[in-house]
Amino acid sequence: MEYLILVDSNDNQIGIEEKVKCHLPKGKLHRAFTIFLFNKEGKLLLTQRSKDKMLWPGDWDGTVASHPRQSESYISSAERRLPEELGVTCKLDYLHKFEYHVPYKDIGSENEVCGTLIGILDDSSKIKLVEGEISDFKWVTLEELLSEIKNSPHIFCPWLLVALNFIPESSQNINDKHKEILKMWNRDDLKSKLEESLKYHFPDHRWELKKE
């Protein structure tokens, strides 16, 4: 049985709970992470969630989303999880974290403080999808992604949109290669391009950046 880290709104651990109980309709605030892997050309690796997932099955996500274990940092947990879902390893940097709560139909919800990590994958030929986790993947430019989000916001995971929205607020304490990628994705109109899709998933605006 998998247990998740329960946190308060300041991301302080206050306990642990079974994963399934954390994802019931009201949810319990817990710690999570999402990863953005890019290639050298600045394309983002999107993955499609397995149809077997309880929440948002078949929807498109960032590269990997999961949960830290006890004693793990956001970076160490994300670097541990990458090969478990994609069969690749990559050094990651921390960008930002945000809190959000969003229901999925009447089945469950996500109620998380979510750290966002960035990495550059040098060799994509070793990507191997793990059955039950990811059903497909694709590389996209920012223009392609924003166009798809505008036309079909319902096929994208809500936390992906929040993580993208906060790219301009990312930490500057990252390596130069990652800074160059972020420059490509930090457009002046990024937030305005995501505004309608965020309203679609969050009509009550239940998402916010967590200050460090």
N, C-alpha and C. Protein backbone atom coordinates (compact mmCIF):
# COMPACT_ATOMS: atom_id res chain seq x y z
N MET A 1 0.84 -1.19 0.00
CA MET A 1 0.00 0.00 0.00
C MET A 1 0.88 1.25 0.00
N GLU A 2 0.55 2.20 -0.87
CA GLU A 2 1.35 3.42 -0.99
C GLU A 2 0.78 4.53 -0.11
N TYR A 3 1.67 5.20 0.63
CA TYR A 3 1.27 6.31 1.48
C TYR A 3 1.87 7.60 0.94
N LEU A 4 1.10 8.68 1.03
CA LEU A 4 1.55 9.99 0.59
C LEU A 4 1.77 10.90 1.78
N ILE A 5 2.55 11.96 1.56
CA ILE A 5 2.90 12.91 2.61
C ILE A 5 1.83 14.00 2.69
N LEU A 6 1.13 14.05 3.81
CA LEU A 6 0.16 15.12 4.03
C LEU A 6 0.90 16.38 4.47
N VAL A 7 0.46 17.53 3.95
CA VAL A 7 1.12 18.80 4.26
C VAL A 7 0.08 19.87 4.59
N ASP A 8 0.55 20.94 5.24
CA ASP A 8 -0.30 22.12 5.39
C ASP A 8 -0.04 23.04 4.20
N SER A 9 -0.67 24.19 4.19
CA SER A 9 -0.56 25.08 3.04
C SER A 9 0.83 25.66 2.87
N ASN A 10 1.66 25.56 3.91
CA ASN A 10 3.06 26.01 3.82
C ASN A 10 4.01 24.87 3.47
N ASP A 11 3.46 23.74 3.08
CA ASP A 11 4.24 22.57 2.67
C ASP A 11 5.00 21.93 3.83
N ASN A 12 4.51 22.08 5.04
CA ASN A 12 5.08 21.39 6.19
C ASN A 12 4.37 20.05 6.35
N GLN A 13 5.13 18.98 6.55
CA GLN A 13 4.51 17.67 6.71
C GLN A 13 3.72 17.62 8.01
N ILE A 14 2.49 17.10 7.91
CA ILE A 14 1.63 16.96 9.09
C ILE A 14 1.16 15.53 9.29
N GLY A 15 1.61 14.61 8.43
CA GLY A 15 1.21 13.21 8.58
C GLY A 15 1.39 12.45 7.28
N ILE A 16 0.86 11.25 7.23
CA ILE A 16 0.84 10.44 6.02
C ILE A 16 -0.56 9.84 5.87
N GLU A 17 -0.89 9.44 4.65
CA GLU A 17 -2.21 8.86 4.41
C GLU A 17 -2.14 7.96 3.18
N GLU A 18 -3.05 6.99 3.13
CA GLU A 18 -3.12 6.11 1.97
C GLU A 18 -3.40 6.93 0.70
N LYS A 19 -2.75 6.54 -0.37
CA LYS A 19 -2.86 7.28 -1.63
C LYS A 19 -4.32 7.43 -2.08
N VAL A 20 -5.08 6.36 -2.01
CA VAL A 20 -6.46 6.40 -2.48
C VAL A 20 -7.28 7.40 -1.66
N LYS A 21 -7.07 7.43 -0.36
CA LYS A 21 -7.83 8.34 0.49
C LYS A 21 -7.48 9.80 0.21
N CYS A 22 -6.24 10.05 -0.22
CA CYS A 22 -5.84 11.41 -0.57
C CYS A 22 -6.53 11.92 -1.82
N HIS A 23 -7.02 10.99 -2.65
CA HIS A 23 -7.60 11.37 -3.93
C HIS A 23 -9.11 11.18 -4.00
N LEU A 24 -9.77 11.11 -2.85
CA LEU A 24 -11.22 11.09 -2.83
C LEU A 24 -11.75 12.47 -3.22
N PRO A 25 -13.07 12.60 -3.48
CA PRO A 25 -13.59 13.87 -4.01
C PRO A 25 -13.17 15.12 -3.23
N LYS A 26 -13.20 15.08 -1.89
CA LYS A 26 -12.75 16.26 -1.14
C LYS A 26 -11.24 16.33 -1.08
N GLY A 27 -10.58 15.19 -1.13
CA GLY A 27 -9.13 15.15 -1.15
C GLY A 27 -8.50 15.55 0.16
N LYS A 28 -7.24 15.18 0.32
CA LYS A 28 -6.42 15.61 1.45
C LYS A 28 -5.16 16.23 0.89
N LEU A 29 -4.81 17.41 1.36
CA LEU A 29 -3.67 18.14 0.81
C LEU A 29 -2.40 17.33 1.02
N HIS A 30 -1.71 17.02 -0.08
CA HIS A 30 -0.50 16.19 0.00
C HIS A 30 0.55 16.73 -0.96
N ARG A 31 1.76 16.22 -0.82
CA ARG A 31 2.91 16.70 -1.59
C ARG A 31 3.02 15.91 -2.89
N ALA A 32 3.33 16.62 -3.96
CA ALA A 32 3.46 15.99 -5.28
C ALA A 32 4.51 16.73 -6.09
N PHE A 33 4.79 16.21 -7.27
CA PHE A 33 5.70 16.92 -8.19
C PHE A 33 5.29 16.66 -9.62
N THR A 34 5.71 17.55 -10.49
CA THR A 34 5.54 17.37 -11.93
C THR A 34 6.85 17.73 -12.62
N ILE A 35 7.18 17.01 -13.68
CA ILE A 35 8.47 17.16 -14.36
C ILE A 35 8.24 17.65 -15.79
N PHE A 36 9.06 18.63 -16.19
CA PHE A 36 9.13 19.06 -17.59
C PHE A 36 10.49 18.63 -18.14
N LEU A 37 10.49 17.65 -19.04
CA LEU A 37 11.72 17.27 -19.75
C LEU A 37 11.69 17.87 -21.14
N PHE A 38 12.79 18.51 -21.51
CA PHE A 38 12.93 19.11 -22.84
C PHE A 38 14.04 18.40 -23.60
N ASN A 39 14.02 18.52 -24.93
CA ASN A 39 15.18 18.10 -25.71
C ASN A 39 16.05 19.33 -26.00
N LYS A 40 17.16 19.13 -26.68
CA LYS A 40 18.11 20.22 -26.91
C LYS A 40 17.52 21.32 -27.78
N GLU A 41 16.49 20.99 -28.56
CA GLU A 41 15.86 21.98 -29.43
C GLU A 41 14.79 22.79 -28.70
N GLY A 42 14.53 22.45 -27.44
CA GLY A 42 13.55 23.21 -26.67
C GLY A 42 12.14 22.67 -26.75
N LYS A 43 11.96 21.47 -27.28
CA LYS A 43 10.63 20.85 -27.31
C LYS A 43 10.37 20.15 -25.97
N LEU A 44 9.12 20.20 -25.54
CA LEU A 44 8.71 19.60 -24.27
C LEU A 44 8.15 18.20 -24.51
N LEU A 45 8.52 17.28 -23.64
CA LEU A 45 8.02 15.91 -23.73
C LEU A 45 6.70 15.80 -22.95
N LEU A 46 5.61 15.60 -23.68
CA LEU A 46 4.31 15.36 -23.07
C LEU A 46 4.03 13.87 -23.04
N THR A 47 3.32 13.42 -22.01
CA THR A 47 2.94 12.02 -21.93
C THR A 47 1.44 11.90 -21.73
N GLN A 48 0.88 10.85 -22.27
CA GLN A 48 -0.55 10.60 -22.15
C GLN A 48 -0.79 9.59 -21.03
N ARG A 49 -1.61 9.98 -20.06
CA ARG A 49 -1.89 9.11 -18.93
C ARG A 49 -2.60 7.83 -19.38
N SER A 50 -2.26 6.73 -18.73
CA SER A 50 -2.88 5.45 -19.05
C SER A 50 -4.39 5.51 -18.88
N LYS A 51 -5.10 4.76 -19.70
CA LYS A 51 -6.55 4.65 -19.57
C LYS A 51 -6.94 3.95 -18.26
N ASP A 52 -5.97 3.32 -17.60
CA ASP A 52 -6.25 2.62 -16.34
C ASP A 52 -6.23 3.55 -15.13
N LYS A 53 -5.82 4.80 -15.32
CA LYS A 53 -5.74 5.74 -14.21
C LYS A 53 -7.15 6.07 -13.68
N MET A 54 -7.25 6.23 -12.36
CA MET A 54 -8.54 6.60 -11.75
C MET A 54 -8.92 8.03 -12.10
N LEU A 55 -7.93 8.92 -12.14
CA LEU A 55 -8.17 10.33 -12.39
C LEU A 55 -7.53 10.77 -13.70
N TRP A 56 -8.26 11.51 -14.49
CA TRP A 56 -7.80 12.04 -15.78
C TRP A 56 -7.19 10.95 -16.68
N PRO A 57 -7.85 9.78 -16.83
CA PRO A 57 -7.32 8.74 -17.71
C PRO A 57 -7.30 9.21 -19.16
N GLY A 58 -6.20 8.96 -19.84
CA GLY A 58 -6.09 9.30 -21.26
C GLY A 58 -5.78 10.75 -21.55
N ASP A 59 -5.69 11.58 -20.52
CA ASP A 59 -5.39 13.00 -20.75
C ASP A 59 -3.89 13.22 -20.89
N TRP A 60 -3.53 14.35 -21.50
CA TRP A 60 -2.12 14.68 -21.71
C TRP A 60 -1.57 15.46 -20.52
N ASP A 61 -0.37 15.06 -20.11
CA ASP A 61 0.29 15.62 -18.93
C ASP A 61 1.65 16.16 -19.33
N GLY A 62 2.35 16.77 -18.36
CA GLY A 62 3.77 17.04 -18.57
C GLY A 62 4.49 15.71 -18.71
N THR A 63 5.76 15.68 -18.44
CA THR A 63 6.53 14.46 -18.69
C THR A 63 6.20 13.36 -17.68
N VAL A 64 6.26 13.67 -16.41
CA VAL A 64 5.93 12.72 -15.35
C VAL A 64 5.37 13.50 -14.17
N ALA A 65 4.34 12.95 -13.53
CA ALA A 65 3.81 13.52 -12.30
C ALA A 65 3.65 12.40 -11.29
N SER A 66 4.08 12.65 -10.05
CA SER A 66 3.99 11.62 -9.02
C SER A 66 4.12 12.26 -7.64
N HIS A 67 4.56 11.47 -6.66
CA HIS A 67 4.59 11.94 -5.27
C HIS A 67 5.91 11.57 -4.60
N PRO A 68 6.48 12.49 -3.82
CA PRO A 68 7.67 12.17 -3.04
C PRO A 68 7.36 11.15 -1.95
N ARG A 69 8.38 10.39 -1.59
CA ARG A 69 8.29 9.51 -0.43
C ARG A 69 8.91 10.19 0.78
N GLN A 70 8.73 9.57 1.93
CA GLN A 70 9.33 10.10 3.15
C GLN A 70 10.83 10.30 2.95
N SER A 71 11.34 11.40 3.42
CA SER A 71 12.77 11.76 3.41
C SER A 71 13.29 12.18 2.04
N GLU A 72 12.45 12.16 1.00
CA GLU A 72 12.89 12.60 -0.33
C GLU A 72 12.63 14.10 -0.51
N SER A 73 13.50 14.75 -1.28
CA SER A 73 13.25 16.11 -1.72
C SER A 73 12.45 16.06 -3.02
N TYR A 74 12.01 17.23 -3.49
CA TYR A 74 11.33 17.24 -4.78
C TYR A 74 12.25 16.70 -5.88
N ILE A 75 13.50 17.12 -5.88
CA ILE A 75 14.42 16.70 -6.94
C ILE A 75 14.73 15.22 -6.85
N SER A 76 15.07 14.73 -5.65
CA SER A 76 15.45 13.31 -5.53
C SER A 76 14.27 12.40 -5.85
N SER A 77 13.07 12.79 -5.46
CA SER A 77 11.90 11.95 -5.75
C SER A 77 11.62 11.93 -7.25
N ALA A 78 11.76 13.07 -7.91
CA ALA A 78 11.50 13.13 -9.35
C ALA A 78 12.56 12.35 -10.13
N GLU A 79 13.82 12.45 -9.71
CA GLU A 79 14.88 11.70 -10.39
C GLU A 79 14.74 10.20 -10.15
N ARG A 80 14.16 9.81 -9.04
CA ARG A 80 13.90 8.39 -8.77
C ARG A 80 12.76 7.88 -9.64
N ARG A 81 11.73 8.72 -9.82
CA ARG A 81 10.53 8.27 -10.52
C ARG A 81 10.69 8.22 -12.04
N LEU A 82 11.52 9.08 -12.60
CA LEU A 82 11.67 9.13 -14.07
C LEU A 82 11.93 7.76 -14.69
N PRO A 83 12.96 7.02 -14.26
CA PRO A 83 13.20 5.72 -14.89
C PRO A 83 12.09 4.71 -14.63
N GLU A 84 11.34 4.89 -13.55
CA GLU A 84 10.25 3.96 -13.25
C GLU A 84 9.09 4.13 -14.23
N GLU A 85 8.94 5.32 -14.79
CA GLU A 85 7.83 5.56 -15.73
C GLU A 85 8.27 5.65 -17.18
N LEU A 86 9.52 6.11 -17.42
CA LEU A 86 9.97 6.36 -18.80
C LEU A 86 11.22 5.59 -19.19
N GLY A 87 11.89 4.96 -18.21
CA GLY A 87 13.08 4.21 -18.53
C GLY A 87 14.31 5.05 -18.81
N VAL A 88 14.28 6.34 -18.44
CA VAL A 88 15.41 7.24 -18.67
C VAL A 88 15.79 7.93 -17.36
N THR A 89 17.03 8.39 -17.28
CA THR A 89 17.49 9.17 -16.14
C THR A 89 17.88 10.56 -16.62
N CYS A 90 17.79 11.52 -15.70
CA CYS A 90 18.09 12.91 -16.07
C CYS A 90 18.30 13.72 -14.81
N LYS A 91 19.30 14.60 -14.82
CA LYS A 91 19.50 15.53 -13.71
C LYS A 91 18.46 16.65 -13.82
N LEU A 92 17.85 16.97 -12.69
CA LEU A 92 16.76 17.94 -12.69
C LEU A 92 17.09 19.15 -11.82
N ASP A 93 16.43 20.26 -12.13
CA ASP A 93 16.48 21.47 -11.31
C ASP A 93 15.07 21.80 -10.84
N TYR A 94 14.98 22.46 -9.70
CA TYR A 94 13.71 22.89 -9.13
C TYR A 94 13.31 24.25 -9.69
N LEU A 95 12.04 24.38 -10.10
CA LEU A 95 11.55 25.63 -10.67
C LEU A 95 10.67 26.42 -9.71
N HIS A 96 9.60 25.81 -9.24
CA HIS A 96 8.64 26.49 -8.38
C HIS A 96 7.69 25.44 -7.80
N LYS A 97 6.81 25.86 -6.90
CA LYS A 97 5.75 24.97 -6.43
C LYS A 97 4.46 25.76 -6.28
N PHE A 98 3.36 25.04 -6.40
CA PHE A 98 2.05 25.67 -6.34
C PHE A 98 1.07 24.74 -5.62
N GLU A 99 0.00 25.35 -5.12
CA GLU A 99 -1.07 24.58 -4.47
C GLU A 99 -2.32 24.67 -5.34
N TYR A 100 -3.02 23.55 -5.47
CA TYR A 100 -4.26 23.56 -6.24
C TYR A 100 -5.19 22.45 -5.74
N HIS A 101 -6.46 22.60 -6.01
CA HIS A 101 -7.46 21.58 -5.71
C HIS A 101 -8.45 21.56 -6.85
N VAL A 102 -8.61 20.41 -7.47
CA VAL A 102 -9.51 20.30 -8.61
C VAL A 102 -10.18 18.92 -8.61
N PRO A 103 -11.51 18.87 -8.77
CA PRO A 103 -12.21 17.58 -8.79
C PRO A 103 -12.15 16.94 -10.17
N TYR A 104 -12.28 15.62 -10.19
CA TYR A 104 -12.43 14.89 -11.45
C TYR A 104 -13.79 14.19 -11.41
N LYS A 105 -14.77 14.78 -12.14
CA LYS A 105 -16.14 14.27 -12.16
C LYS A 105 -16.60 14.08 -10.72
N ASP A 106 -17.25 12.95 -10.41
CA ASP A 106 -17.62 12.65 -9.03
C ASP A 106 -16.78 11.50 -8.49
N ILE A 107 -15.63 11.26 -9.14
CA ILE A 107 -14.80 10.10 -8.82
C ILE A 107 -13.76 10.43 -7.76
N GLY A 108 -13.11 11.58 -7.89
CA GLY A 108 -12.04 11.92 -6.96
C GLY A 108 -11.55 13.33 -7.23
N SER A 109 -10.35 13.64 -6.74
CA SER A 109 -9.79 14.98 -6.93
C SER A 109 -8.29 14.95 -6.74
N GLU A 110 -7.65 16.03 -7.13
CA GLU A 110 -6.25 16.28 -6.78
C GLU A 110 -6.23 17.49 -5.85
N ASN A 111 -5.56 17.34 -4.72
CA ASN A 111 -5.44 18.40 -3.73
C ASN A 111 -3.98 18.40 -3.29
N GLU A 112 -3.16 19.21 -3.94
CA GLU A 112 -1.71 19.04 -3.82
C GLU A 112 -0.96 20.35 -3.65
N VAL A 113 0.18 20.25 -2.97
CA VAL A 113 1.27 21.21 -3.11
C VAL A 113 2.27 20.54 -4.04
N CYS A 114 2.46 21.11 -5.20
CA CYS A 114 3.16 20.43 -6.29
C CYS A 114 4.43 21.16 -6.69
N GLY A 115 5.57 20.51 -6.56
CA GLY A 115 6.84 21.06 -7.02
C GLY A 115 7.04 20.78 -8.50
N THR A 116 7.63 21.74 -9.21
CA THR A 116 7.87 21.60 -10.65
C THR A 116 9.36 21.52 -10.91
N LEU A 117 9.77 20.51 -11.69
CA LEU A 117 11.18 20.27 -11.99
C LEU A 117 11.43 20.36 -13.48
N ILE A 118 12.67 20.70 -13.86
CA ILE A 118 13.04 20.80 -15.27
C ILE A 118 14.31 20.01 -15.53
N GLY A 119 14.38 19.41 -16.72
CA GLY A 119 15.58 18.70 -17.14
C GLY A 119 15.67 18.67 -18.65
N ILE A 120 16.86 18.35 -19.16
CA ILE A 120 17.07 18.22 -20.61
C ILE A 120 17.51 16.79 -20.90
N LEU A 121 16.76 16.11 -21.73
CA LEU A 121 17.04 14.72 -22.07
C LEU A 121 17.92 14.67 -23.32
N ASP A 122 19.13 14.16 -23.17
CA ASP A 122 20.08 14.13 -24.27
C ASP A 122 19.76 13.05 -25.30
N ASP A 123 19.21 11.91 -24.84
CA ASP A 123 18.97 10.78 -25.74
C ASP A 123 17.56 10.23 -25.49
N SER A 124 16.65 10.51 -26.42
CA SER A 124 15.27 10.06 -26.26
C SER A 124 15.04 8.64 -26.77
N SER A 125 16.06 8.03 -27.36
CA SER A 125 15.89 6.70 -27.93
C SER A 125 15.67 5.63 -26.86
N LYS A 126 16.01 5.95 -25.62
CA LYS A 126 15.88 4.97 -24.53
C LYS A 126 14.54 5.06 -23.81
N ILE A 127 13.66 5.94 -24.25
CA ILE A 127 12.35 6.06 -23.62
C ILE A 127 11.59 4.74 -23.75
N LYS A 128 11.10 4.26 -22.63
CA LYS A 128 10.34 3.01 -22.60
C LYS A 128 9.14 3.21 -21.69
N LEU A 129 7.95 3.18 -22.27
CA LEU A 129 6.75 3.44 -21.50
C LEU A 129 6.41 2.26 -20.60
N VAL A 130 6.03 2.57 -19.37
CA VAL A 130 5.67 1.54 -18.41
C VAL A 130 4.16 1.32 -18.46
N GLU A 131 3.76 0.09 -18.69
CA GLU A 131 2.34 -0.25 -18.81
C GLU A 131 1.60 0.13 -17.52
N GLY A 132 0.45 0.72 -17.69
CA GLY A 132 -0.35 1.13 -16.55
C GLY A 132 -0.08 2.54 -16.09
N GLU A 133 0.99 3.15 -16.61
CA GLU A 133 1.34 4.52 -16.22
C GLU A 133 1.15 5.50 -17.39
N ILE A 134 1.83 5.23 -18.49
CA ILE A 134 1.82 6.13 -19.65
C ILE A 134 1.49 5.33 -20.91
N SER A 135 0.58 5.85 -21.72
CA SER A 135 0.17 5.11 -22.92
C SER A 135 0.81 5.65 -24.20
N ASP A 136 1.28 6.91 -24.17
CA ASP A 136 1.87 7.49 -25.38
C ASP A 136 2.67 8.73 -24.98
N PHE A 137 3.48 9.24 -25.91
CA PHE A 137 4.23 10.47 -25.65
C PHE A 137 4.45 11.21 -26.96
N LYS A 138 4.77 12.50 -26.83
CA LYS A 138 5.09 13.30 -28.01
C LYS A 138 5.89 14.52 -27.57
N TRP A 139 6.70 15.03 -28.51
CA TRP A 139 7.48 16.25 -28.28
C TRP A 139 6.74 17.41 -28.93
N VAL A 140 6.62 18.54 -28.22
CA VAL A 140 5.90 19.69 -28.76
C VAL A 140 6.68 20.98 -28.54
N THR A 141 6.51 21.90 -29.47
CA THR A 141 7.01 23.26 -29.28
C THR A 141 5.99 24.03 -28.45
N LEU A 142 6.37 25.19 -27.97
CA LEU A 142 5.44 26.01 -27.22
C LEU A 142 4.25 26.41 -28.08
N GLU A 143 4.50 26.79 -29.32
CA GLU A 143 3.42 27.19 -30.22
C GLU A 143 2.43 26.05 -30.42
N GLU A 144 2.94 24.85 -30.63
CA GLU A 144 2.07 23.69 -30.84
C GLU A 144 1.24 23.41 -29.60
N LEU A 145 1.87 23.48 -28.43
CA LEU A 145 1.15 23.19 -27.20
C LEU A 145 0.07 24.21 -26.91
N LEU A 146 0.39 25.49 -27.05
CA LEU A 146 -0.60 26.52 -26.79
C LEU A 146 -1.78 26.42 -27.75
N SER A 147 -1.51 26.05 -28.99
CA SER A 147 -2.59 25.89 -29.97
C SER A 147 -3.50 24.73 -29.58
N GLU A 148 -2.91 23.61 -29.16
CA GLU A 148 -3.70 22.46 -28.75
C GLU A 148 -4.51 22.76 -27.49
N ILE A 149 -3.89 23.46 -26.54
CA ILE A 149 -4.59 23.81 -25.30
C ILE A 149 -5.78 24.72 -25.60
N LYS A 150 -5.60 25.67 -26.49
CA LYS A 150 -6.69 26.59 -26.85
C LYS A 150 -7.85 25.83 -27.48
N ASN A 151 -7.54 24.90 -28.37
CA ASN A 151 -8.58 24.17 -29.10
C ASN A 151 -9.22 23.06 -28.28
N SER A 152 -8.45 22.45 -27.38
CA SER A 152 -8.97 21.29 -26.64
C SER A 152 -8.47 21.29 -25.20
N PRO A 153 -8.87 22.26 -24.39
CA PRO A 153 -8.37 22.32 -23.01
C PRO A 153 -8.75 21.10 -22.18
N HIS A 154 -9.83 20.42 -22.56
CA HIS A 154 -10.33 19.29 -21.78
C HIS A 154 -9.44 18.06 -21.85
N ILE A 155 -8.51 18.01 -22.79
CA ILE A 155 -7.66 16.81 -22.91
C ILE A 155 -6.34 16.97 -22.17
N PHE A 156 -6.15 18.07 -21.45
CA PHE A 156 -4.91 18.33 -20.73
C PHE A 156 -5.16 18.32 -19.23
N CYS A 157 -4.21 17.76 -18.48
CA CYS A 157 -4.32 17.71 -17.03
C CYS A 157 -4.24 19.12 -16.46
N PRO A 158 -5.07 19.44 -15.49
CA PRO A 158 -5.11 20.81 -14.97
C PRO A 158 -3.81 21.27 -14.34
N TRP A 159 -3.09 20.35 -13.66
CA TRP A 159 -1.84 20.77 -13.02
C TRP A 159 -0.76 21.11 -14.04
N LEU A 160 -0.82 20.53 -15.23
CA LEU A 160 0.10 20.90 -16.30
C LEU A 160 -0.07 22.37 -16.65
N LEU A 161 -1.30 22.82 -16.75
CA LEU A 161 -1.57 24.20 -17.13
C LEU A 161 -1.08 25.17 -16.05
N VAL A 162 -1.27 24.80 -14.78
CA VAL A 162 -0.80 25.67 -13.69
C VAL A 162 0.72 25.75 -13.70
N ALA A 163 1.38 24.61 -13.87
CA ALA A 163 2.85 24.60 -13.89
C ALA A 163 3.39 25.45 -15.04
N LEU A 164 2.75 25.37 -16.20
CA LEU A 164 3.16 26.20 -17.34
C LEU A 164 2.95 27.68 -17.03
N ASN A 165 1.82 28.00 -16.42
CA ASN A 165 1.49 29.38 -16.11
C ASN A 165 2.53 30.05 -15.21
N PHE A 166 3.17 29.26 -14.34
CA PHE A 166 4.12 29.83 -13.40
C PHE A 166 5.58 29.75 -13.87
N ILE A 167 5.80 29.41 -15.12
CA ILE A 167 7.17 29.42 -15.65
C ILE A 167 7.84 30.77 -15.44
N PRO A 168 7.16 31.90 -15.63
CA PRO A 168 7.82 33.19 -15.40
C PRO A 168 8.28 33.39 -13.95
N GLU A 169 7.70 32.66 -13.00
CA GLU A 169 8.08 32.80 -11.60
C GLU A 169 9.13 31.78 -11.16
N SER A 170 9.73 31.09 -12.10
CA SER A 170 10.66 30.01 -11.78
C SER A 170 11.92 30.52 -11.07
N SER A 171 12.50 29.64 -10.27
CA SER A 171 13.75 29.94 -9.57
C SER A 171 14.85 30.26 -10.57
N GLN A 172 15.73 31.18 -10.19
CA GLN A 172 16.89 31.51 -11.02
C GLN A 172 18.11 30.68 -10.63
N ASN A 173 17.97 29.88 -9.58
CA ASN A 173 19.08 29.07 -9.09
C ASN A 173 19.13 27.73 -9.82
N ILE A 174 19.25 27.81 -11.13
CA ILE A 174 19.31 26.62 -11.97
C ILE A 174 20.45 26.77 -12.96
N ASN A 175 20.85 25.65 -13.59
CA ASN A 175 22.01 25.73 -14.48
C ASN A 175 21.66 26.50 -15.76
N ASP A 176 22.69 26.96 -16.44
CA ASP A 176 22.51 27.85 -17.59
C ASP A 176 21.73 27.19 -18.73
N LYS A 177 21.92 25.87 -18.93
CA LYS A 177 21.19 25.18 -19.99
C LYS A 177 19.69 25.26 -19.76
N HIS A 178 19.28 25.07 -18.52
CA HIS A 178 17.86 25.15 -18.20
C HIS A 178 17.34 26.57 -18.34
N LYS A 179 18.16 27.55 -18.00
CA LYS A 179 17.74 28.95 -18.16
C LYS A 179 17.48 29.27 -19.62
N GLU A 180 18.30 28.72 -20.52
CA GLU A 180 18.11 28.98 -21.95
C GLU A 180 16.80 28.39 -22.44
N ILE A 181 16.47 27.19 -21.96
CA ILE A 181 15.19 26.58 -22.34
C ILE A 181 14.03 27.42 -21.82
N LEU A 182 14.12 27.86 -20.58
CA LEU A 182 13.03 28.65 -19.99
C LEU A 182 12.82 29.95 -20.75
N LYS A 183 13.89 30.55 -21.27
CA LYS A 183 13.74 31.77 -22.06
C LYS A 183 12.85 31.51 -23.28
N MET A 184 12.98 30.33 -23.87
CA MET A 184 12.18 29.98 -25.03
C MET A 184 10.70 29.83 -24.68
N TRP A 185 10.43 29.43 -23.43
CA TRP A 185 9.05 29.14 -23.01
C TRP A 185 8.44 30.27 -22.18
N ASN A 186 9.20 31.27 -21.84
CA ASN A 186 8.71 32.37 -21.02
C ASN A 186 8.30 33.55 -21.92
N ARG A 187 7.24 33.35 -22.69
CA ARG A 187 6.76 34.40 -23.59
C ARG A 187 5.94 35.44 -22.84
N ASP A 188 5.93 36.65 -23.36
CA ASP A 188 5.17 37.73 -22.73
C ASP A 188 3.68 37.42 -22.66
N ASP A 189 3.19 36.67 -23.64
CA ASP A 189 1.75 36.38 -23.68
C ASP A 189 1.39 35.01 -23.14
N LEU A 190 2.34 34.36 -22.44
CA LEU A 190 2.10 32.99 -21.96
C LEU A 190 0.87 32.93 -21.07
N LYS A 191 0.80 33.79 -20.06
CA LYS A 191 -0.31 33.74 -19.11
C LYS A 191 -1.65 34.03 -19.79
N SER A 192 -1.66 34.99 -20.69
CA SER A 192 -2.93 35.32 -21.37
C SER A 192 -3.37 34.17 -22.26
N LYS A 193 -2.43 33.45 -22.85
CA LYS A 193 -2.77 32.32 -23.71
C LYS A 193 -3.35 31.15 -22.91
N LEU A 194 -2.99 31.06 -21.62
CA LEU A 194 -3.46 29.96 -20.77
C LEU A 194 -4.70 30.32 -19.97
N GLU A 195 -5.09 31.58 -20.00
CA GLU A 195 -6.15 32.07 -19.11
C GLU A 195 -7.47 31.30 -19.29
N GLU A 196 -7.92 31.14 -20.52
CA GLU A 196 -9.21 30.48 -20.75
C GLU A 196 -9.18 29.01 -20.37
N SER A 197 -8.08 28.34 -20.66
CA SER A 197 -7.99 26.92 -20.31
C SER A 197 -7.95 26.72 -18.79
N LEU A 198 -7.31 27.64 -18.07
CA LEU A 198 -7.30 27.56 -16.62
C LEU A 198 -8.70 27.80 -16.05
N LYS A 199 -9.46 28.72 -16.65
CA LYS A 199 -10.83 28.95 -16.21
C LYS A 199 -11.70 27.72 -16.46
N TYR A 200 -11.40 27.00 -17.53
CA TYR A 200 -12.16 25.78 -17.84
C TYR A 200 -12.01 24.76 -16.72
N HIS A 201 -10.77 24.55 -16.26
CA HIS A 201 -10.52 23.55 -15.23
C HIS A 201 -10.76 24.08 -13.82
N PHE A 202 -10.56 25.39 -13.62
CA PHE A 202 -10.66 25.98 -12.29
C PHE A 202 -11.63 27.16 -12.29
N PRO A 203 -12.92 26.91 -12.43
CA PRO A 203 -13.88 28.03 -12.44
C PRO A 203 -13.88 28.81 -11.12
N ASP A 204 -13.44 28.15 -10.03
CA ASP A 204 -13.37 28.84 -8.73
C ASP A 204 -11.95 29.30 -8.40
N HIS A 205 -11.03 29.19 -9.37
CA HIS A 205 -9.65 29.68 -9.23
C HIS A 205 -8.95 29.10 -7.99
N ARG A 206 -9.00 27.80 -7.84
CA ARG A 206 -8.37 27.18 -6.66
C ARG A 206 -6.96 26.72 -7.00
N TRP A 207 -6.11 27.68 -7.32
CA TRP A 207 -4.70 27.40 -7.55
C TRP A 207 -3.90 28.66 -7.25
N GLU A 208 -2.69 28.49 -6.72
CA GLU A 208 -1.86 29.64 -6.36
C GLU A 208 -0.40 29.22 -6.27
N LEU A 209 0.48 30.17 -6.58
CA LEU A 209 1.91 29.96 -6.42
C LEU A 209 2.27 29.99 -4.94
N LYS A 210 3.18 29.10 -4.52
CA LYS A 210 3.64 29.09 -3.14
C LYS A 210 4.97 29.84 -3.08
N LYS A 211 5.00 30.90 -2.31
CA LYS A 211 6.22 31.68 -2.16
C LYS A 211 7.25 30.91 -1.34
N GLU A 212 8.51 31.03 -1.76
CA GLU A 212 9.59 30.31 -1.07
C GLU A 212 10.05 31.10 0.15
